[in-house]
N, C-alpha and C. Protein backbone atom coordinates (compact mmCIF):
# COMPACT_ATOMS: atom_id res chain seq x y z
N UNK A 1 21.28 23.70 14.93
CA UNK A 1 20.01 24.64 14.65
C UNK A 1 20.25 25.31 13.21
N UNK A 2 19.29 25.14 12.38
CA UNK A 2 19.42 25.64 10.90
C UNK A 2 19.42 27.29 11.17
N UNK A 3 19.81 28.02 10.08
CA UNK A 3 19.81 29.34 9.99
C UNK A 3 18.16 29.90 10.10
N UNK A 4 17.51 29.16 9.22
CA UNK A 4 16.01 29.52 9.02
C UNK A 4 15.36 29.50 10.43
N UNK A 5 15.59 28.45 11.27
CA UNK A 5 14.99 28.34 12.54
C UNK A 5 15.47 29.29 13.53
N UNK A 6 16.76 29.78 13.39
CA UNK A 6 17.32 30.96 14.18
C UNK A 6 16.47 32.23 13.87
N UNK A 7 16.43 32.42 12.52
CA UNK A 7 15.60 33.53 12.33
C UNK A 7 14.21 33.70 12.75
N UNK A 8 13.56 32.49 12.59
CA UNK A 8 12.13 32.22 13.16
C UNK A 8 12.17 32.58 14.64
N UNK A 9 13.02 32.00 15.41
CA UNK A 9 13.01 32.24 16.87
C UNK A 9 13.25 33.61 17.10
N UNK A 10 14.23 34.28 16.46
CA UNK A 10 14.41 35.92 16.72
C UNK A 10 13.18 36.54 16.31
N UNK A 11 12.62 36.26 15.21
CA UNK A 11 11.38 37.02 14.85
C UNK A 11 10.35 36.72 15.91
N UNK A 12 10.10 35.58 16.34
CA UNK A 12 9.00 35.22 17.44
C UNK A 12 9.25 36.01 18.74
N UNK A 13 10.59 35.96 19.08
CA UNK A 13 11.09 36.75 20.40
C UNK A 13 10.84 38.29 20.15
N UNK A 14 11.01 38.90 19.16
CA UNK A 14 10.85 40.29 18.87
C UNK A 14 9.43 40.71 18.85
N UNK A 15 8.55 39.57 18.62
CA UNK A 15 7.07 39.96 18.48
C UNK A 15 6.24 40.04 19.72
N UNK A 16 6.88 39.08 20.63
CA UNK A 16 5.95 38.79 22.06
C UNK A 16 6.81 38.90 23.12
N UNK A 17 6.30 39.13 24.20
CA UNK A 17 7.07 39.38 25.46
C UNK A 17 7.39 37.81 26.02
N UNK A 18 6.56 36.92 25.86
CA UNK A 18 6.84 35.58 26.28
C UNK A 18 6.64 34.64 25.23
N UNK A 19 7.48 33.68 25.20
CA UNK A 19 7.30 32.67 24.16
C UNK A 19 6.77 31.30 24.79
N UNK A 20 5.73 30.78 24.13
CA UNK A 20 4.89 29.61 24.48
C UNK A 20 5.04 28.60 23.52
N UNK A 21 4.60 27.29 23.79
CA UNK A 21 4.81 26.24 22.98
C UNK A 21 4.06 26.40 21.65
N UNK A 22 2.90 27.17 21.64
CA UNK A 22 2.19 27.34 20.22
C UNK A 22 2.64 28.49 19.46
N UNK A 23 3.76 29.15 19.95
CA UNK A 23 4.28 30.30 19.18
C UNK A 23 5.17 29.63 18.16
N UNK A 24 5.32 30.50 16.87
CA UNK A 24 6.19 29.93 15.81
C UNK A 24 5.41 29.34 14.65
N UNK A 25 6.26 28.63 13.83
CA UNK A 25 5.45 28.20 12.67
C UNK A 25 4.46 26.93 13.05
N UNK A 26 3.58 26.80 12.16
CA UNK A 26 2.48 25.77 12.50
C UNK A 26 3.11 24.30 12.27
N UNK A 27 2.75 23.57 13.23
CA UNK A 27 3.31 22.16 13.14
C UNK A 27 3.08 21.34 11.90
N UNK A 28 1.93 21.75 11.03
CA UNK A 28 1.81 21.12 9.81
C UNK A 28 2.89 21.49 8.71
N UNK A 29 3.65 22.43 8.93
CA UNK A 29 4.61 22.98 8.15
C UNK A 29 6.12 22.30 8.48
N UNK A 30 6.21 21.77 9.64
CA UNK A 30 7.29 21.24 10.11
C UNK A 30 7.48 19.83 9.74
N UNK A 31 8.72 19.31 9.27
CA UNK A 31 8.82 18.16 8.56
C UNK A 31 8.74 17.02 9.62
N UNK A 32 8.99 17.23 10.81
CA UNK A 32 9.14 16.13 11.79
C UNK A 32 7.84 15.71 12.33
N UNK A 33 6.65 16.64 11.97
CA UNK A 33 5.39 16.34 12.37
C UNK A 33 4.43 15.67 11.41
N UNK A 34 5.06 15.42 10.10
CA UNK A 34 4.43 14.83 9.00
C UNK A 34 4.21 13.45 9.19
N UNK A 35 3.24 12.67 8.67
CA UNK A 35 2.85 11.33 8.70
C UNK A 35 4.10 10.61 8.17
N UNK A 36 4.74 9.73 8.87
CA UNK A 36 5.77 8.91 8.36
C UNK A 36 5.50 7.39 7.83
N UNK A 37 4.12 7.12 7.99
CA UNK A 37 3.82 5.69 7.66
C UNK A 37 3.75 5.50 5.98
N UNK A 38 3.77 6.49 5.30
CA UNK A 38 3.67 6.33 3.91
C UNK A 38 2.36 5.94 3.18
N UNK A 39 1.35 5.95 4.15
CA UNK A 39 -0.04 5.60 3.52
C UNK A 39 -0.68 7.02 3.55
N UNK A 40 -0.93 7.40 2.38
CA UNK A 40 -1.65 8.67 2.10
C UNK A 40 -2.68 8.43 1.08
N UNK A 41 -3.20 9.64 0.66
CA UNK A 41 -4.45 9.50 -0.39
C UNK A 41 -3.84 8.99 -1.66
N UNK A 42 -2.60 9.31 -2.16
CA UNK A 42 -2.06 8.70 -3.37
C UNK A 42 -1.68 7.28 -3.26
N UNK A 43 -1.34 6.78 -2.23
CA UNK A 43 -1.07 5.35 -2.04
C UNK A 43 -2.26 4.66 -2.24
N UNK A 44 -3.37 5.08 -1.55
CA UNK A 44 -4.70 4.39 -1.69
C UNK A 44 -5.25 4.50 -2.93
N UNK A 45 -5.15 5.48 -3.77
CA UNK A 45 -5.48 5.54 -5.06
C UNK A 45 -4.85 4.47 -5.81
N UNK A 46 -3.40 4.50 -5.75
CA UNK A 46 -2.54 3.35 -6.34
C UNK A 46 -3.10 2.09 -6.07
N UNK A 47 -3.46 1.71 -4.74
CA UNK A 47 -3.95 0.39 -4.50
C UNK A 47 -5.30 0.17 -5.07
N UNK A 48 -6.21 1.16 -5.30
CA UNK A 48 -7.39 0.92 -6.02
C UNK A 48 -7.12 0.63 -7.43
N UNK A 49 -6.15 1.37 -8.04
CA UNK A 49 -5.86 1.12 -9.40
C UNK A 49 -5.38 -0.32 -9.53
N UNK A 50 -4.53 -0.78 -8.79
CA UNK A 50 -3.92 -2.05 -8.87
C UNK A 50 -5.01 -3.10 -8.63
N UNK A 51 -5.77 -2.87 -7.76
CA UNK A 51 -6.92 -3.86 -7.59
C UNK A 51 -7.90 -3.95 -8.88
N UNK A 52 -8.19 -2.86 -9.31
CA UNK A 52 -8.90 -2.81 -10.52
C UNK A 52 -8.17 -3.67 -11.70
N UNK A 53 -6.92 -3.46 -11.79
CA UNK A 53 -6.20 -4.18 -12.79
C UNK A 53 -5.93 -5.67 -12.43
N UNK A 54 -5.93 -6.00 -11.24
CA UNK A 54 -5.86 -7.45 -10.91
C UNK A 54 -7.10 -8.20 -10.89
N UNK A 55 -8.15 -7.42 -10.64
CA UNK A 55 -9.62 -7.91 -10.73
C UNK A 55 -9.71 -8.82 -11.95
N UNK A 56 -9.50 -8.67 -13.07
CA UNK A 56 -9.65 -9.50 -14.27
C UNK A 56 -8.64 -10.43 -14.22
N UNK A 57 -7.36 -10.51 -13.72
CA UNK A 57 -6.42 -11.34 -13.82
C UNK A 57 -6.48 -12.58 -12.70
N UNK A 58 -6.98 -12.17 -11.39
CA UNK A 58 -7.08 -13.03 -10.29
C UNK A 58 -8.48 -13.09 -9.93
N UNK A 59 -9.20 -14.27 -9.86
CA UNK A 59 -8.44 -15.75 -10.10
C UNK A 59 -8.40 -15.97 -11.68
N UNK A 60 -7.25 -16.74 -11.98
CA UNK A 60 -6.98 -17.01 -13.40
C UNK A 60 -8.09 -17.87 -13.80
N UNK A 61 -8.89 -17.68 -14.80
CA UNK A 61 -10.08 -18.47 -15.26
C UNK A 61 -9.57 -19.88 -15.52
N UNK A 62 -8.44 -20.08 -16.18
CA UNK A 62 -8.06 -21.28 -16.94
C UNK A 62 -7.22 -22.16 -15.84
N UNK A 63 -7.03 -21.58 -14.72
CA UNK A 63 -6.19 -22.33 -13.85
C UNK A 63 -6.96 -22.99 -12.56
N UNK A 64 -6.86 -24.36 -12.51
CA UNK A 64 -7.66 -24.89 -11.39
C UNK A 64 -7.15 -24.53 -9.84
N UNK A 65 -5.95 -24.09 -9.91
CA UNK A 65 -5.39 -23.77 -8.66
C UNK A 65 -6.12 -22.68 -7.91
N UNK A 66 -6.66 -21.89 -8.80
CA UNK A 66 -7.38 -20.52 -8.22
C UNK A 66 -8.95 -20.85 -8.21
N UNK A 67 -9.33 -21.98 -8.27
CA UNK A 67 -10.84 -22.24 -7.86
C UNK A 67 -11.05 -21.83 -6.41
N UNK A 68 -12.24 -21.08 -6.36
CA UNK A 68 -12.72 -20.81 -5.07
C UNK A 68 -11.69 -19.85 -4.40
N UNK A 69 -11.15 -19.01 -5.11
CA UNK A 69 -10.16 -17.82 -4.57
C UNK A 69 -10.63 -16.64 -5.19
N UNK A 70 -10.53 -15.55 -4.24
CA UNK A 70 -11.19 -14.33 -4.76
C UNK A 70 -10.10 -13.14 -4.25
N UNK A 71 -9.90 -11.98 -4.96
CA UNK A 71 -9.20 -10.99 -4.52
C UNK A 71 -9.92 -10.18 -3.49
N UNK A 72 -9.36 -10.01 -2.35
CA UNK A 72 -9.97 -9.35 -1.37
C UNK A 72 -9.65 -7.81 -1.14
N UNK A 73 -8.38 -7.53 -1.19
CA UNK A 73 -7.89 -6.16 -0.93
C UNK A 73 -6.44 -5.98 -1.31
N UNK A 74 -6.02 -4.75 -1.68
CA UNK A 74 -4.69 -4.43 -1.88
C UNK A 74 -4.28 -3.12 -1.00
N UNK A 75 -3.27 -3.50 -0.30
CA UNK A 75 -2.71 -2.42 0.62
C UNK A 75 -1.14 -2.32 0.61
N UNK A 76 -0.75 -0.97 0.99
CA UNK A 76 0.69 -0.48 0.94
C UNK A 76 1.32 -1.51 2.00
N UNK A 77 2.39 -1.92 1.77
CA UNK A 77 3.22 -2.66 2.39
C UNK A 77 4.71 -2.43 2.50
N UNK A 78 5.33 -1.50 3.22
CA UNK A 78 4.89 -0.43 4.03
C UNK A 78 4.43 0.82 3.38
N UNK A 79 4.95 0.95 2.19
CA UNK A 79 4.44 2.17 1.39
C UNK A 79 4.11 1.68 -0.09
N UNK A 80 3.94 2.71 -1.06
CA UNK A 80 3.41 2.33 -2.32
C UNK A 80 4.44 1.69 -3.20
N UNK A 81 5.82 1.41 -2.82
CA UNK A 81 6.61 0.70 -3.63
C UNK A 81 6.44 -0.66 -3.62
N UNK A 82 5.92 -1.21 -2.40
CA UNK A 82 5.48 -2.61 -2.20
C UNK A 82 4.04 -2.61 -1.84
N UNK A 83 3.12 -3.58 -2.59
CA UNK A 83 1.78 -3.66 -2.39
C UNK A 83 1.48 -5.17 -1.83
N UNK A 84 0.61 -5.32 -0.81
CA UNK A 84 0.22 -6.51 -0.25
C UNK A 84 -1.17 -6.82 -0.84
N UNK A 85 -1.19 -7.92 -1.55
CA UNK A 85 -2.28 -8.34 -2.44
C UNK A 85 -2.91 -9.45 -1.40
N UNK A 86 -4.10 -9.22 -0.93
CA UNK A 86 -4.80 -10.28 -0.05
C UNK A 86 -5.84 -11.02 -0.85
N UNK A 87 -5.65 -12.40 -0.95
CA UNK A 87 -6.44 -13.32 -1.64
C UNK A 87 -7.14 -14.20 -0.54
N UNK A 88 -8.41 -14.50 -0.69
CA UNK A 88 -9.20 -15.36 0.13
C UNK A 88 -9.30 -16.66 -0.54
N UNK A 89 -9.26 -17.70 0.22
CA UNK A 89 -9.33 -19.04 -0.39
C UNK A 89 -10.44 -19.89 0.39
N UNK A 90 -11.32 -20.47 -0.22
CA UNK A 90 -12.36 -21.02 0.45
C UNK A 90 -11.97 -22.45 1.06
N UNK A 91 -11.91 -22.58 2.33
CA UNK A 91 -11.50 -23.76 3.05
C UNK A 91 -10.30 -24.36 2.50
N UNK A 92 -9.22 -23.70 2.54
CA UNK A 92 -8.02 -24.28 1.82
C UNK A 92 -7.32 -25.46 2.52
N UNK A 93 -7.00 -26.42 1.86
CA UNK A 93 -6.16 -27.62 2.30
C UNK A 93 -4.70 -27.32 2.17
N UNK A 94 -4.09 -27.85 2.91
CA UNK A 94 -2.48 -27.35 2.93
C UNK A 94 -1.85 -27.64 1.63
N UNK A 95 -2.19 -28.52 0.79
CA UNK A 95 -1.73 -28.85 -0.53
C UNK A 95 -2.21 -27.80 -1.51
N UNK A 96 -3.36 -27.30 -1.39
CA UNK A 96 -4.02 -26.13 -2.06
C UNK A 96 -3.20 -24.94 -1.90
N UNK A 97 -2.97 -24.68 -0.57
CA UNK A 97 -2.25 -23.37 -0.26
C UNK A 97 -0.81 -23.42 -0.96
N UNK A 98 -0.25 -24.42 -0.82
CA UNK A 98 1.16 -24.63 -1.40
C UNK A 98 1.12 -24.53 -3.01
N UNK A 99 -0.03 -25.06 -3.54
CA UNK A 99 -0.13 -25.10 -4.97
C UNK A 99 -0.41 -23.52 -5.44
N UNK A 100 -1.27 -22.86 -4.49
CA UNK A 100 -1.52 -21.52 -5.02
C UNK A 100 -0.33 -20.55 -4.88
N UNK A 101 0.42 -20.67 -3.74
CA UNK A 101 1.64 -19.91 -3.61
C UNK A 101 2.65 -20.23 -4.69
N UNK A 102 2.92 -21.42 -5.18
CA UNK A 102 3.76 -21.79 -6.19
C UNK A 102 3.19 -21.24 -7.55
N UNK A 103 1.89 -21.25 -7.73
CA UNK A 103 1.39 -20.59 -8.92
C UNK A 103 1.48 -19.08 -9.02
N UNK A 104 1.36 -18.50 -7.80
CA UNK A 104 1.43 -17.01 -7.78
C UNK A 104 2.92 -16.63 -7.97
N UNK A 105 3.81 -17.38 -7.34
CA UNK A 105 5.22 -16.96 -7.60
C UNK A 105 5.62 -17.07 -9.05
N UNK A 106 5.06 -18.15 -9.77
CA UNK A 106 5.40 -18.12 -11.10
C UNK A 106 4.63 -17.24 -12.01
N UNK A 107 3.49 -16.62 -11.44
CA UNK A 107 2.75 -15.53 -12.23
C UNK A 107 3.23 -14.11 -11.84
N UNK A 108 4.17 -14.07 -10.84
CA UNK A 108 4.23 -12.69 -10.30
C UNK A 108 4.83 -11.73 -11.28
N UNK A 109 5.63 -12.26 -12.09
CA UNK A 109 6.38 -11.22 -13.19
C UNK A 109 5.11 -10.82 -14.13
N UNK A 110 4.42 -11.71 -14.62
CA UNK A 110 3.22 -11.51 -15.55
C UNK A 110 2.15 -10.39 -14.86
N UNK A 111 1.92 -10.71 -13.64
CA UNK A 111 1.03 -9.76 -13.15
C UNK A 111 1.57 -8.42 -12.73
N UNK A 112 2.68 -8.13 -12.44
CA UNK A 112 3.50 -7.09 -12.29
C UNK A 112 3.48 -6.23 -13.57
N UNK A 113 3.85 -7.02 -14.71
CA UNK A 113 3.94 -6.40 -15.94
C UNK A 113 2.34 -5.86 -16.46
N UNK A 114 1.40 -6.49 -16.11
CA UNK A 114 0.06 -6.28 -16.46
C UNK A 114 -0.32 -5.10 -15.48
N UNK A 115 -0.02 -4.96 -14.43
CA UNK A 115 -0.23 -3.80 -13.50
C UNK A 115 0.58 -2.69 -14.09
N UNK A 116 1.68 -2.78 -14.61
CA UNK A 116 2.53 -1.65 -14.90
C UNK A 116 1.92 -1.12 -16.26
N UNK A 117 1.32 -1.81 -16.94
CA UNK A 117 0.61 -1.47 -18.17
C UNK A 117 -0.72 -0.82 -17.87
N UNK A 118 -1.20 -1.01 -16.84
CA UNK A 118 -2.50 -0.37 -16.32
C UNK A 118 -2.47 0.85 -15.76
N UNK A 119 -1.17 0.96 -14.96
CA UNK A 119 -1.14 2.29 -14.13
C UNK A 119 -0.04 3.12 -14.74
N UNK A 120 0.08 4.49 -14.35
CA UNK A 120 0.91 5.41 -14.84
C UNK A 120 1.91 5.85 -13.84
N UNK A 121 3.01 5.18 -13.57
CA UNK A 121 3.96 5.30 -12.76
C UNK A 121 5.46 5.14 -13.29
N UNK A 122 6.32 5.73 -12.78
CA UNK A 122 7.68 5.54 -13.21
C UNK A 122 8.05 4.16 -12.80
N UNK A 123 7.87 3.58 -11.75
CA UNK A 123 8.15 2.12 -11.48
C UNK A 123 6.83 1.41 -11.00
N UNK A 124 6.85 0.14 -11.44
CA UNK A 124 5.74 -0.63 -10.99
C UNK A 124 5.82 -1.11 -9.69
N UNK A 125 4.89 -1.23 -8.84
CA UNK A 125 5.12 -1.67 -7.29
C UNK A 125 5.42 -3.23 -7.47
N UNK A 126 6.13 -3.55 -6.37
CA UNK A 126 6.30 -4.96 -6.08
C UNK A 126 5.15 -5.40 -5.54
N UNK A 127 4.60 -6.60 -5.78
CA UNK A 127 3.51 -7.38 -5.47
C UNK A 127 3.62 -8.36 -4.34
N UNK A 128 3.05 -8.51 -3.28
CA UNK A 128 3.37 -9.43 -2.32
C UNK A 128 1.90 -9.88 -1.88
N UNK A 129 1.96 -11.40 -2.17
CA UNK A 129 0.89 -11.94 -2.05
C UNK A 129 0.46 -12.74 -0.75
N UNK A 130 -0.65 -12.62 0.01
CA UNK A 130 -1.00 -13.07 1.32
C UNK A 130 -2.29 -13.92 1.05
N UNK A 131 -2.37 -15.00 1.42
CA UNK A 131 -3.48 -15.97 1.41
C UNK A 131 -4.24 -15.99 2.89
N UNK A 132 -5.57 -15.77 2.65
CA UNK A 132 -6.54 -15.87 4.09
C UNK A 132 -7.74 -16.86 3.94
N UNK A 133 -7.95 -17.60 4.90
CA UNK A 133 -9.05 -18.48 4.74
C UNK A 133 -10.34 -17.75 4.67
N UNK A 134 -11.21 -18.37 3.83
CA UNK A 134 -12.59 -17.85 3.66
C UNK A 134 -13.48 -18.92 4.18
N UNK A 135 -14.45 -18.67 5.00
CA UNK A 135 -15.48 -19.78 5.46
C UNK A 135 -16.49 -19.88 4.32
N UNK A 136 -17.19 -20.90 4.18
CA UNK A 136 -18.17 -21.21 3.12
C UNK A 136 -19.24 -20.36 3.09
N UNK A 137 -19.75 -19.70 4.25
CA UNK A 137 -20.88 -18.92 4.14
C UNK A 137 -20.67 -17.48 3.85
N UNK A 138 -19.21 -17.11 3.87
CA UNK A 138 -19.01 -15.71 3.36
C UNK A 138 -18.97 -15.46 1.85
N UNK A 139 -19.41 -14.33 1.43
CA UNK A 139 -19.47 -13.95 -0.03
C UNK A 139 -18.28 -13.39 -0.55
């Protein structure tokens, strides 16, 4: 038990006759009650910035591998140091999926450099790409 916790408990005991669960410092000030997922407002702001940055870069206009592909979302995976970029592809054939993944792997350094130029962070996040199928009727 830390010294500050001992002082807090001693202070609480001196102020009340009986100690209950809700006595003492508020839970929001305790470290163990904070959200550990890493997804917070700043992470979501970073995702929005990265999405705006990638919107003009994906799909690559001159690359036939990215025909009928669209940037769907950018999410923290598991925190803002790594971001999952979700691309939807209209009725992908297995050969097309392999071609898109190979092309994304080749473009990953370029895309990360473009994102780093557009956002103001000490380190650019690592981009992880995920392909999901999109049906012909979806916009």
